[in-house]
Amino acid sequence: MPRQCDICQGARAIIRRPKTGQRVCKECFFRAFETEVHNTIVDNALFRRGDRIGIGASGGKDSTVLAYVMKTLNERYDYGLELFLLSIDEGISGYRDDSLETVKRNRDQYGLPLKIVSYEQLYGWSMDRIVEAVGRKNNCTFCGVFRRQALDRGALMLDLDHIVTGHNADDVAETILMNILRGDIPRLGRCTEITTAGDGYIGRSKPLKYAYEKEIVMYAYLKRLDYFSTECTYSPNAYRGYARQFIKDLEAVRPSAIIDIIHSGEAMKVASGVAMPVATTCGRCGYISSNAICKACALLDGLERGIPKLGVSRSSRDADGAPARAGGAGAAVEPVHFERLRERALALRRQRLGGAEPEPCDAAGAACRCAGTECQ
């Protein structure tokens, strides 16, 4: 006999929520999912009215659902936000080029501006070239470091106030587990935060932090959202994949395992006597770092020297002392210093708030104020 929806007690229940165990109808599921994301935004005061928000868009289910829900909630609750799609092209043939086509369709479907920045433009290296140089064992280290910095660079190009990413509850639980297994205390403290400082200039948050991956898939499917579902070509050997499988095994036994791990991570505190890294800025690019040279610059240095594992196996402080070696496969690009990006963003903000049109970039190449990609 069909069961009635546990929420409205009228319509026929068609799904059972993995997160709560409730049997609900389609419309009640939509409303419950969206309301929970809204409550996460409001309870944590993620945004201010008038903020320019960049949605990290990859074309996958998480970022597509995030873009759709952010647009829906912004209109429903009158947040007063300006929304933008910000995508990173890592340069992975047969994967990212296809997923970016999905992002472009989302741009048209949701009526949101889109900015795409690429590793090739920013660093002179695509992920395909990096994998050729370093192999498939440590490639995710390069991609993760470069992507994080690329998002902040793209945000400054657009003069954004905030970046939102599609990290869900499963992602956060996996990260907590990985940091515990690695004994990475500094990252363990940061990975549970719903809002982080990014490069110290632009905040970054996770509105889907408490949303289960299964429910995100259900939402995307029932809403018939257009998203890209192919796994990254280079991810099967990633350390995160093993943590993900372990979490799925736990969830099969105890459905609340995901949220329990998150709450456990939030409750962990570092003893006052433990020495923690002091944040400073990279001496080369100005990005936030706990060393004299940030991880991205150290990795790039190893690639350009023809010693791609230099930045992976040694600390950033060793990079300057390593002997040079021929064999770099990328076209050397000097990343635009973050201080110049900040100045450009502040100039755009002053013009925006003053009502004047932004001045066009009057230089090219290394002097381009638009970060050496494409002039605004």
Protein backbone atom coordinates (compact mmCIF):
# COMPACT_ATOMS: atom_id res chain seq x y z
CA MET A 1 0.00 0.00 0.00
CA PRO A 2 1.48 3.43 -0.96
CA ARG A 3 2.51 5.51 2.02
CA GLN A 4 1.57 9.14 2.51
CA CYS A 5 4.19 11.86 2.79
CA ASP A 6 5.43 12.21 6.37
CA ILE A 7 5.45 16.00 6.03
CA CYS A 8 2.25 17.03 4.22
CA GLN A 9 0.26 13.86 5.04
CA GLY A 10 -1.49 14.23 1.69
CA ALA A 11 0.55 13.37 -1.35
CA ARG A 12 2.06 9.96 -2.00
CA ALA A 13 5.61 9.51 -0.72
CA ILE A 14 8.04 8.67 -3.51
CA ILE A 15 11.43 8.81 -1.78
CA ARG A 16 12.96 8.15 1.61
CA ARG A 17 15.44 10.84 2.66
CA PRO A 18 18.86 9.30 3.45
CA LYS A 19 19.54 12.13 5.88
CA THR A 20 16.43 11.89 8.07
CA GLY A 21 14.73 8.63 7.06
CA GLN A 22 11.50 10.51 6.30
CA ARG A 23 9.27 9.24 3.48
CA VAL A 24 8.30 12.31 1.51
CA CYS A 25 6.65 13.43 -1.71
CA LYS A 26 8.59 15.24 -4.39
CA GLU A 27 7.41 18.76 -3.56
CA CYS A 28 8.02 18.36 0.18
CA PHE A 29 11.51 17.04 -0.54
CA PHE A 30 12.27 20.08 -2.68
CA ARG A 31 10.99 22.45 -0.01
CA ALA A 32 12.81 20.65 2.83
CA PHE A 33 16.12 20.54 0.94
CA GLU A 34 15.95 24.22 -0.04
CA THR A 35 14.86 25.30 3.44
CA GLU A 36 17.78 23.47 5.04
CA VAL A 37 20.22 25.25 2.72
CA HIS A 38 18.48 28.57 3.47
CA ASN A 39 18.79 27.94 7.21
CA THR A 40 22.49 27.13 6.80
CA ILE A 41 22.99 30.45 5.00
CA VAL A 42 20.99 32.49 7.53
CA ASP A 43 22.21 30.79 10.71
CA ASN A 44 25.83 31.29 9.69
CA ALA A 45 25.31 34.78 8.23
CA LEU A 46 27.21 33.79 5.09
CA PHE A 47 26.31 36.87 3.03
CA ARG A 48 25.41 40.51 3.25
CA ARG A 49 22.87 42.28 1.09
CA GLY A 50 24.52 43.62 -2.06
CA ASP A 51 27.38 41.09 -2.05
CA ARG A 52 28.77 39.86 -5.35
CA ILE A 53 28.89 36.07 -5.01
CA GLY A 54 30.93 33.76 -7.23
CA ILE A 55 29.62 30.20 -7.51
CA GLY A 56 32.42 27.73 -8.16
CA ALA A 57 30.95 25.94 -11.18
CA SER A 58 32.42 22.70 -12.52
CA GLY A 59 29.33 21.37 -14.29
CA GLY A 60 29.01 18.49 -11.80
CA LYS A 61 25.95 17.70 -9.71
CA ASP A 62 27.08 19.61 -6.60
CA SER A 63 27.92 22.91 -8.26
CA THR A 64 24.90 22.71 -10.58
CA VAL A 65 22.54 22.15 -7.65
CA LEU A 66 24.31 24.93 -5.73
CA ALA A 67 23.87 27.38 -8.61
CA TYR A 68 20.19 26.48 -9.04
CA VAL A 69 19.43 26.65 -5.30
CA MET A 70 21.37 29.89 -4.79
CA LYS A 71 19.42 31.55 -7.61
CA THR A 72 16.14 30.16 -6.27
CA LEU A 73 16.75 31.25 -2.67
CA ASN A 74 18.10 34.65 -3.72
CA GLU A 75 14.82 35.32 -5.49
CA ARG A 76 12.56 33.66 -2.92
CA TYR A 77 14.02 35.32 0.19
CA ASP A 78 15.30 38.50 -1.47
CA TYR A 79 18.93 38.13 -0.35
CA GLY A 80 19.87 40.98 -2.67
CA LEU A 81 22.93 39.17 -4.06
CA GLU A 82 24.65 39.46 -7.44
CA LEU A 83 25.46 35.94 -8.58
CA PHE A 84 28.22 34.88 -10.97
CA LEU A 85 29.48 31.52 -12.23
CA LEU A 86 33.24 31.08 -11.87
CA SER A 87 34.81 28.05 -13.56
CA ILE A 88 38.36 26.69 -13.64
CA ASP A 89 39.64 25.00 -16.79
CA GLU A 90 42.37 22.64 -15.57
CA GLY A 91 43.13 21.50 -19.10
CA ILE A 92 41.99 17.85 -18.95
CA SER A 93 41.07 16.68 -22.43
CA GLY A 94 37.89 14.62 -22.68
CA TYR A 95 36.76 15.70 -19.21
CA ARG A 96 36.95 19.38 -18.35
CA ASP A 97 36.32 20.59 -21.89
CA ASP A 98 33.07 18.59 -21.90
CA SER A 99 32.01 19.68 -18.40
CA LEU A 100 32.56 23.34 -19.30
CA GLU A 101 29.99 22.95 -22.06
CA THR A 102 27.54 21.99 -19.31
CA VAL A 103 28.52 25.11 -17.35
CA LYS A 104 27.87 27.25 -20.42
CA ARG A 105 24.40 25.72 -20.74
CA ASN A 106 23.80 26.45 -17.03
CA ARG A 107 24.85 30.05 -17.71
CA ASP A 108 22.13 30.32 -20.33
CA GLN A 109 19.53 28.38 -18.32
CA TYR A 110 19.97 30.41 -15.12
CA GLY A 111 20.84 33.74 -16.71
CA LEU A 112 24.06 34.13 -14.71
CA PRO A 113 27.33 35.70 -15.97
CA LEU A 114 30.19 33.23 -16.43
CA LYS A 115 33.95 33.70 -16.06
CA ILE A 116 36.38 30.90 -17.00
CA VAL A 117 40.05 30.99 -15.96
CA SER A 118 42.49 28.29 -17.00
CA TYR A 119 45.67 26.75 -15.61
CA GLU A 120 47.28 27.37 -19.00
CA GLN A 121 46.61 31.10 -18.74
CA LEU A 122 47.53 31.43 -15.08
CA TYR A 123 50.47 29.03 -14.76
CA GLY A 124 51.51 28.05 -18.28
CA TRP A 125 50.73 24.40 -17.55
CA SER A 126 47.63 22.30 -18.22
CA MET A 127 46.85 19.24 -16.11
CA ASP A 128 47.49 17.01 -19.12
CA ARG A 129 51.04 18.38 -19.32
CA ILE A 130 51.50 18.13 -15.56
CA VAL A 131 50.47 14.46 -15.58
CA GLU A 132 52.93 13.81 -18.39
CA ALA A 133 55.66 15.28 -16.19
CA VAL A 134 54.74 13.94 -12.75
CA GLY A 135 52.74 10.78 -13.48
CA ARG A 136 49.42 9.78 -11.93
CA LYS A 137 50.51 9.30 -8.33
CA ASN A 138 50.70 12.93 -7.12
CA ASN A 139 48.75 14.74 -9.83
CA CYS A 140 45.79 15.55 -7.54
CA THR A 141 48.15 17.50 -5.27
CA PHE A 142 49.01 19.85 -8.14
CA CYS A 143 45.41 20.17 -9.24
CA GLY A 144 44.03 20.92 -5.77
CA VAL A 145 46.65 23.57 -4.98
CA PHE A 146 46.35 25.28 -8.36
CA ARG A 147 42.54 25.18 -8.37
CA ARG A 148 42.25 26.82 -4.96
CA GLN A 149 44.52 29.68 -5.98
CA ALA A 150 42.87 29.97 -9.41
CA LEU A 151 39.45 30.46 -7.76
CA ASP A 152 40.82 33.34 -5.69
CA ARG A 153 42.48 34.87 -8.75
CA GLY A 154 39.25 34.61 -10.72
CA ALA A 155 37.30 36.14 -7.83
CA LEU A 156 39.60 39.15 -7.74
CA MET A 157 39.27 39.58 -11.52
CA LEU A 158 35.49 39.78 -11.07
CA ASP A 159 35.65 41.95 -7.91
CA LEU A 160 33.69 39.37 -5.91
CA ASP A 161 32.94 39.68 -2.21
CA HIS A 162 32.56 35.97 -1.60
CA ILE A 163 32.97 32.54 -3.22
CA VAL A 164 30.64 29.60 -2.61
CA THR A 165 31.61 26.04 -3.46
CA GLY A 166 29.56 22.86 -3.80
CA HIS A 167 31.30 20.90 -1.03
CA ASN A 168 28.67 18.69 0.59
CA ALA A 169 28.47 16.76 3.87
CA ASP A 170 30.17 13.70 2.37
CA ASP A 171 33.07 15.86 1.14
CA VAL A 172 33.54 17.46 4.55
CA ALA A 173 33.44 14.08 6.34
CA GLU A 174 36.03 12.70 3.90
CA THR A 175 38.32 15.67 4.47
CA ILE A 176 38.07 15.32 8.24
CA LEU A 177 38.95 11.63 8.01
CA MET A 178 41.88 12.31 5.63
CA ASN A 179 43.33 14.99 7.90
CA ILE A 180 43.03 12.73 10.94
CA LEU A 181 44.80 9.89 9.14
CA ARG A 182 47.55 12.26 7.95
CA GLY A 183 47.88 13.91 11.35
CA ASP A 184 47.34 17.30 9.70
CA ILE A 185 46.24 19.34 12.71
CA PRO A 186 46.22 22.79 11.03
CA ARG A 187 43.98 21.62 8.19
CA LEU A 188 41.78 19.60 10.55
CA GLY A 189 40.90 22.82 12.35
CA ARG A 190 40.04 24.65 9.12
CA CYS A 191 38.24 21.95 7.14
CA THR A 192 35.17 21.92 9.41
CA GLU A 193 34.62 25.68 9.16
CA ILE A 194 31.71 26.65 6.95
CA THR A 195 33.45 29.92 6.05
CA THR A 196 37.18 30.38 5.52
CA ALA A 197 39.22 33.46 4.74
CA GLY A 198 40.55 32.30 1.37
CA ASP A 199 43.53 34.47 0.53
CA GLY A 200 42.68 36.84 3.38
CA TYR A 201 40.72 39.10 1.02
CA ILE A 202 37.80 37.06 -0.26
CA GLY A 203 35.77 34.77 1.97
CA ARG A 204 34.77 31.28 0.89
CA SER A 205 31.87 29.22 2.20
CA LYS A 206 30.02 25.90 1.79
CA PRO A 207 26.21 26.37 1.79
CA LEU A 208 25.77 22.61 1.13
CA LYS A 209 27.96 21.63 4.10
CA TYR A 210 25.14 19.65 5.77
CA ALA A 211 23.53 18.30 2.59
CA TYR A 212 24.08 14.60 1.89
CA GLU A 213 25.46 13.69 -1.52
CA LYS A 214 22.61 11.22 -2.08
CA GLU A 215 20.04 13.97 -1.54
CA ILE A 216 21.90 16.31 -3.90
CA VAL A 217 21.73 13.59 -6.57
CA MET A 218 18.02 13.09 -5.86
CA TYR A 219 17.37 16.82 -6.09
CA ALA A 220 19.25 17.16 -9.39
CA TYR A 221 17.46 14.13 -10.85
CA LEU A 222 13.94 15.11 -9.76
CA LYS A 223 14.46 18.72 -10.86
CA ARG A 224 15.88 17.46 -14.16
CA LEU A 225 18.91 19.71 -13.84
CA ASP A 226 21.53 19.66 -16.57
CA TYR A 227 24.80 18.41 -15.06
CA PHE A 228 27.93 16.48 -16.03
CA SER A 229 28.42 13.13 -14.29
CA THR A 230 31.70 11.71 -15.66
CA GLU A 231 34.50 11.17 -13.14
CA CYS A 232 37.79 12.99 -13.62
CA THR A 233 40.23 11.05 -15.78
CA TYR A 234 43.02 11.37 -13.23
CA SER A 235 41.10 10.82 -9.98
CA PRO A 236 40.86 6.98 -9.57
CA ASN A 237 44.17 6.82 -7.70
CA ALA A 238 43.42 9.82 -5.47
CA TYR A 239 43.77 9.35 -1.69
CA ARG A 240 40.32 10.90 -1.26
CA GLY A 241 38.78 8.00 -3.19
CA TYR A 242 39.78 5.54 -0.47
CA ALA A 243 38.39 7.81 2.25
CA ARG A 244 35.18 8.14 0.25
CA GLN A 245 34.73 4.38 0.00
CA PHE A 246 35.32 3.99 3.72
CA ILE A 247 32.69 6.65 4.47
CA LYS A 248 30.19 4.90 2.17
CA ASP A 249 30.78 1.61 3.99
CA LEU A 250 30.15 3.36 7.32
CA GLU A 251 27.00 5.02 5.99
CA ALA A 252 25.60 1.64 4.91
CA VAL A 253 25.83 0.47 8.51
CA ARG A 254 24.97 3.77 10.20
CA PRO A 255 23.24 6.42 8.01
CA SER A 256 24.10 9.19 10.49
CA ALA A 257 27.85 8.43 10.24
CA ILE A 258 28.47 11.35 7.86
CA ILE A 259 26.90 14.02 10.03
CA ASP A 260 28.40 12.41 13.16
CA ILE A 261 31.92 12.73 11.69
CA ILE A 262 31.26 16.39 10.85
CA HIS A 263 30.04 17.17 14.38
CA SER A 264 33.05 15.32 15.82
CA GLY A 265 35.38 17.38 13.66
CA GLU A 266 33.65 20.60 14.73
CA ALA A 267 34.07 19.63 18.39
CA MET A 268 37.82 18.96 18.13
CA LYS A 269 40.01 21.69 19.61
CA VAL A 270 43.76 22.14 19.43
CA ALA A 271 45.42 22.44 22.84
CA SER A 272 46.69 25.93 23.62
CA GLY A 273 50.29 24.76 23.93
CA VAL A 274 50.47 23.30 20.40
CA ALA A 275 52.52 25.43 18.00
CA MET A 276 50.55 26.20 14.85
CA PRO A 277 51.87 27.56 11.54
CA VAL A 278 51.77 31.35 11.27
CA ALA A 279 50.09 32.64 8.12
CA THR A 280 52.12 35.04 6.02
CA THR A 281 52.27 35.83 2.31
CA CYS A 282 54.30 34.21 -0.45
CA GLY A 283 57.42 36.14 -1.36
CA ARG A 284 56.79 35.51 -5.05
CA CYS A 285 53.07 35.82 -5.76
CA GLY A 286 51.67 37.35 -2.55
CA TYR A 287 49.27 34.47 -1.87
CA ILE A 288 48.61 33.41 1.73
CA SER A 289 51.17 30.84 2.91
CA SER A 290 52.73 29.40 6.05
CA ASN A 291 56.15 29.34 4.35
CA ALA A 292 58.26 31.93 2.55
CA ILE A 293 57.09 30.42 -0.75
CA CYS A 294 53.52 29.16 -1.19
CA LYS A 295 52.75 25.61 -2.29
CA ALA A 296 51.63 26.69 -5.78
CA CYS A 297 54.90 28.53 -6.44
CA ALA A 298 56.91 25.58 -5.08
CA LEU A 299 55.07 23.16 -7.38
CA LEU A 300 55.51 25.47 -10.36
CA ASP A 301 59.19 25.84 -9.54
CA GLY A 302 59.63 22.07 -9.61
CA LEU A 303 57.81 21.80 -12.93
CA GLU A 304 59.87 24.53 -14.57
CA ARG A 305 63.14 23.02 -13.27
CA GLY A 306 62.22 19.63 -14.68
CA ILE A 307 61.98 18.21 -11.14
CA PRO A 308 58.18 17.95 -10.78
CA LYS A 309 58.29 16.13 -7.43
CA LEU A 310 60.33 18.90 -5.82
CA GLY A 311 57.31 20.77 -4.48
CA VAL A 312 55.61 17.53 -3.38
CA SER A 313 58.38 15.80 -1.50
CA ARG A 314 60.17 18.79 0.04
CA SER A 315 59.16 21.93 1.85
CA SER A 316 58.73 25.14 -0.11
CA ARG A 317 61.91 26.51 1.47
CA ASP A 318 64.02 23.94 -0.40
CA ALA A 319 62.87 25.06 -3.84
CA ASP A 320 65.31 27.94 -4.23
CA GLY A 321 68.27 25.75 -3.44
CA ALA A 322 67.50 22.98 -5.92
CA PRO A 323 69.64 22.77 -9.05
CA ALA A 324 67.95 23.71 -12.29
CA ARG A 325 67.29 20.99 -14.81
CA ALA A 326 66.01 21.21 -18.36
CA GLY A 327 62.82 19.52 -19.40
CA GLY A 328 59.87 21.71 -18.37
CA ALA A 329 56.90 21.00 -20.63
CA GLY A 330 54.94 24.19 -20.01
CA ALA A 331 55.30 27.72 -21.31
CA ALA A 332 56.62 29.72 -18.36
CA VAL A 333 54.09 32.26 -17.06
CA GLU A 334 54.83 34.66 -14.23
CA PRO A 335 51.66 34.66 -12.09
CA VAL A 336 50.38 38.19 -11.53
CA HIS A 337 51.10 39.21 -7.93
CA PHE A 338 48.06 39.11 -5.67
CA GLU A 339 48.69 42.66 -4.51
CA ARG A 340 48.17 43.87 -8.08
CA LEU A 341 44.98 41.83 -8.31
CA ARG A 342 43.75 43.37 -5.07
CA GLU A 343 44.49 46.86 -6.34
CA ARG A 344 42.59 46.11 -9.54
CA ALA A 345 39.64 44.71 -7.57
CA LEU A 346 39.58 47.74 -5.26
CA ALA A 347 39.64 50.07 -8.26
CA LEU A 348 36.72 48.19 -9.79
CA ARG A 349 34.86 48.37 -6.48
CA ARG A 350 35.37 52.11 -6.13
CA GLN A 351 34.12 52.67 -9.67
CA ARG A 352 31.16 50.35 -9.09
CA LEU A 353 30.11 52.01 -5.84
CA GLY A 354 30.68 55.45 -7.32
CA GLY A 355 28.54 54.65 -10.32
CA ALA A 356 31.33 55.11 -12.87
CA GLU A 357 32.12 52.63 -15.60
CA PRO A 358 35.35 50.58 -15.05
CA GLU A 359 38.27 51.90 -17.05
CA PRO A 360 39.42 49.52 -19.81
CA CYS A 361 42.78 47.86 -19.33
CA ASP A 362 45.32 49.98 -21.25
CA ALA A 363 48.19 47.48 -21.15
CA ALA A 364 48.92 43.97 -22.33
CA GLY A 365 51.11 41.03 -21.45
CA ALA A 366 52.92 41.24 -18.12
CA ALA A 367 51.55 44.75 -17.43
CA CYS A 368 47.91 43.73 -17.93
CA ARG A 369 45.83 44.70 -14.90
CA CYS A 370 43.36 41.96 -15.72
CA ALA A 371 45.77 39.29 -14.42
CA GLY A 372 47.30 38.35 -17.73
CA THR A 373 44.27 36.43 -18.95
CA GLU A 374 41.67 38.32 -20.97
CA CYS A 375 41.01 42.02 -20.49
CA GLN A 376 37.72 42.88 -18.82
